[in-house]
Protein backbone atom coordinates (compact mmCIF):
# COMPACT_ATOMS: atom_id res chain seq x y z
CA UNK A 1 110.52 127.30 -119.85
CA UNK A 2 114.00 128.38 -120.76
CA UNK A 3 114.73 130.69 -123.65
CA UNK A 4 116.71 127.90 -125.33
CA UNK A 5 113.70 125.58 -125.13
CA UNK A 6 111.51 128.26 -126.69
CA UNK A 7 114.02 128.57 -129.54
CA UNK A 8 114.00 124.78 -130.03
CA UNK A 9 110.19 124.68 -130.16
CA UNK A 10 110.10 127.70 -132.48
CA UNK A 11 112.47 125.96 -134.91
CA UNK A 12 110.06 122.98 -134.91
CA UNK A 13 107.14 125.27 -135.76
CA UNK A 14 105.58 125.11 -132.29
CA UNK A 15 104.20 128.46 -131.19
CA UNK A 16 104.92 129.49 -127.62
CA UNK A 17 103.13 132.66 -126.59
CA UNK A 18 104.89 134.52 -123.78
CA UNK A 19 103.18 134.28 -120.42
CA UNK A 20 103.17 138.06 -119.98
CA UNK A 21 100.87 138.26 -123.01
CA UNK A 22 98.50 135.35 -122.46
CA UNK A 23 98.33 135.56 -118.65
CA UNK A 24 97.55 139.26 -118.44
CA UNK A 25 93.97 138.58 -117.33
CA UNK A 26 94.80 139.02 -113.66
CA UNK A 27 96.32 142.43 -114.20
CA UNK A 28 93.42 143.51 -116.40
CA UNK A 29 90.80 142.29 -113.91
CA UNK A 30 92.59 144.13 -111.10
CA UNK A 31 92.43 147.30 -113.18
CA UNK A 32 88.71 146.82 -113.86
CA UNK A 33 88.11 146.29 -110.15
CA UNK A 34 90.12 149.45 -109.38
CA UNK A 35 87.96 151.54 -111.71
CA UNK A 36 84.77 150.09 -110.23
CA UNK A 37 83.88 147.71 -113.05
CA UNK A 38 82.02 144.45 -112.64
CA UNK A 39 82.76 140.87 -113.73
CA UNK A 40 81.07 141.36 -117.10
CA UNK A 41 83.25 144.38 -117.89
CA UNK A 42 86.35 142.51 -116.69
CA UNK A 43 85.72 139.46 -118.87
CA UNK A 44 84.93 141.64 -121.88
CA UNK A 45 88.10 143.69 -121.45
CA UNK A 46 90.25 140.60 -120.84
CA UNK A 47 88.95 138.91 -123.98
CA UNK A 48 89.34 142.04 -126.07
CA UNK A 49 92.85 142.96 -124.93
CA UNK A 50 94.37 139.47 -124.85
CA UNK A 51 92.92 138.64 -128.26
CA UNK A 52 94.22 141.90 -129.75
CA UNK A 53 97.67 141.62 -128.16
CA UNK A 54 98.05 137.95 -129.08
CA UNK A 55 97.21 138.73 -132.71
CA UNK A 56 99.65 141.66 -132.74
CA UNK A 57 102.47 139.56 -131.29
CA UNK A 58 101.88 136.63 -133.65
CA UNK A 59 101.59 138.91 -136.70
CA UNK A 60 104.80 140.74 -135.78
CA UNK A 61 106.55 137.44 -135.08
CA UNK A 62 105.62 136.15 -138.52
CA UNK A 63 106.48 139.40 -140.33
CA UNK A 64 109.92 139.64 -138.71
CA UNK A 65 110.59 135.87 -138.57
CA UNK A 66 111.30 136.04 -134.86
CA UNK A 67 110.03 134.15 -131.86
CA UNK A 68 106.82 135.48 -130.29
CA UNK A 69 108.71 136.44 -127.10
CA UNK A 70 111.08 138.60 -129.15
CA UNK A 71 108.17 140.09 -131.08
CA UNK A 72 106.38 140.95 -127.84
């Protein structure tokens, strides 16, 4: 999606969360594998970190009245 399309959707009140925030599960699971963790630890960490980071980005976006990508 282009940046201009994100701006258009943002102006219409449609939230677009940046892919580098919501698709971080692969990177997180690779890290858990690297440190010797199992699937349960990976899923727990993915859920925890993506939930926390998504909330932080959306809160910052709202506070600063900017698009989520800019907030991230």
